[in-house]
């Protein structure tokens, strides 16, 4: 894990299904970038939220 990294919950829609993926990144923009690199540019990202720790 990198310095300053947080866990983001990224909700995506692929093939009509909504899924949530935990992504470790420094910013929400970096989390979006990682999702697009992994699943392709055509994936529909619905939301990016920082995971709240209890």
Protein backbone atom coordinates (compact mmCIF):
# COMPACT_ATOMS: atom_id res chain seq x y z
CA UNK A 1 0.00 0.00 0.00
CA UNK A 2 1.30 3.41 -0.92
CA UNK A 3 1.63 6.39 1.37
CA UNK A 4 -1.65 8.29 1.54
CA UNK A 5 -3.68 5.48 -0.04
CA UNK A 6 -7.28 4.89 0.99
CA UNK A 7 -9.88 2.28 0.14
CA UNK A 8 -12.60 3.41 -2.26
CA UNK A 9 -15.78 1.53 -3.08
CA UNK A 10 -16.43 1.86 -6.81
CA UNK A 11 -19.91 0.95 -8.04
CA UNK A 12 -19.99 -0.04 -11.71
CA UNK A 13 -22.59 -1.34 -14.12
CA UNK A 14 -21.55 -4.01 -16.58
CA UNK A 15 -23.92 -6.03 -18.74
CA UNK A 16 -26.91 -4.74 -16.77
CA UNK A 17 -25.52 -5.83 -13.37
CA UNK A 18 -24.42 -3.45 -10.63
CA UNK A 19 -21.24 -4.45 -8.83
CA UNK A 20 -19.12 -2.84 -6.14
CA UNK A 21 -15.34 -3.22 -6.14
CA UNK A 22 -12.93 -2.13 -3.37
CA UNK A 23 -9.99 -0.23 -4.89
CA UNK A 24 -6.91 1.06 -3.07
CA UNK A 25 -5.94 4.50 -4.40
CA UNK A 26 -4.91 7.96 -3.26
CA UNK A 27 -7.84 9.84 -4.82
CA UNK A 28 -11.23 9.03 -6.29
CA UNK A 29 -9.92 9.99 -9.74
CA UNK A 30 -7.12 7.43 -9.41
CA UNK A 31 -9.68 4.79 -8.37
CA UNK A 32 -11.70 5.53 -11.54
CA UNK A 33 -8.53 5.29 -13.62
CA UNK A 34 -7.67 1.87 -12.15
CA UNK A 35 -11.17 0.54 -12.89
CA UNK A 36 -10.98 1.75 -16.49
CA UNK A 37 -7.54 0.18 -16.97
CA UNK A 38 -8.73 -3.15 -15.59
CA UNK A 39 -12.18 -3.41 -17.24
CA UNK A 40 -11.87 -1.13 -20.26
CA UNK A 41 -12.92 2.41 -21.09
CA UNK A 42 -16.50 1.44 -21.95
CA UNK A 43 -17.43 0.41 -18.38
CA UNK A 44 -20.11 2.58 -16.75
CA UNK A 45 -18.91 3.90 -13.35
CA UNK A 46 -21.90 4.86 -11.20
CA UNK A 47 -20.22 6.12 -8.02
CA UNK A 48 -16.92 6.30 -6.12
CA UNK A 49 -17.05 6.61 -2.34
CA UNK A 50 -14.35 6.46 0.30
CA UNK A 51 -14.82 3.47 2.59
CA UNK A 52 -15.60 4.58 6.14
CA UNK A 53 -13.67 2.76 8.83
CA UNK A 54 -15.58 1.84 11.96
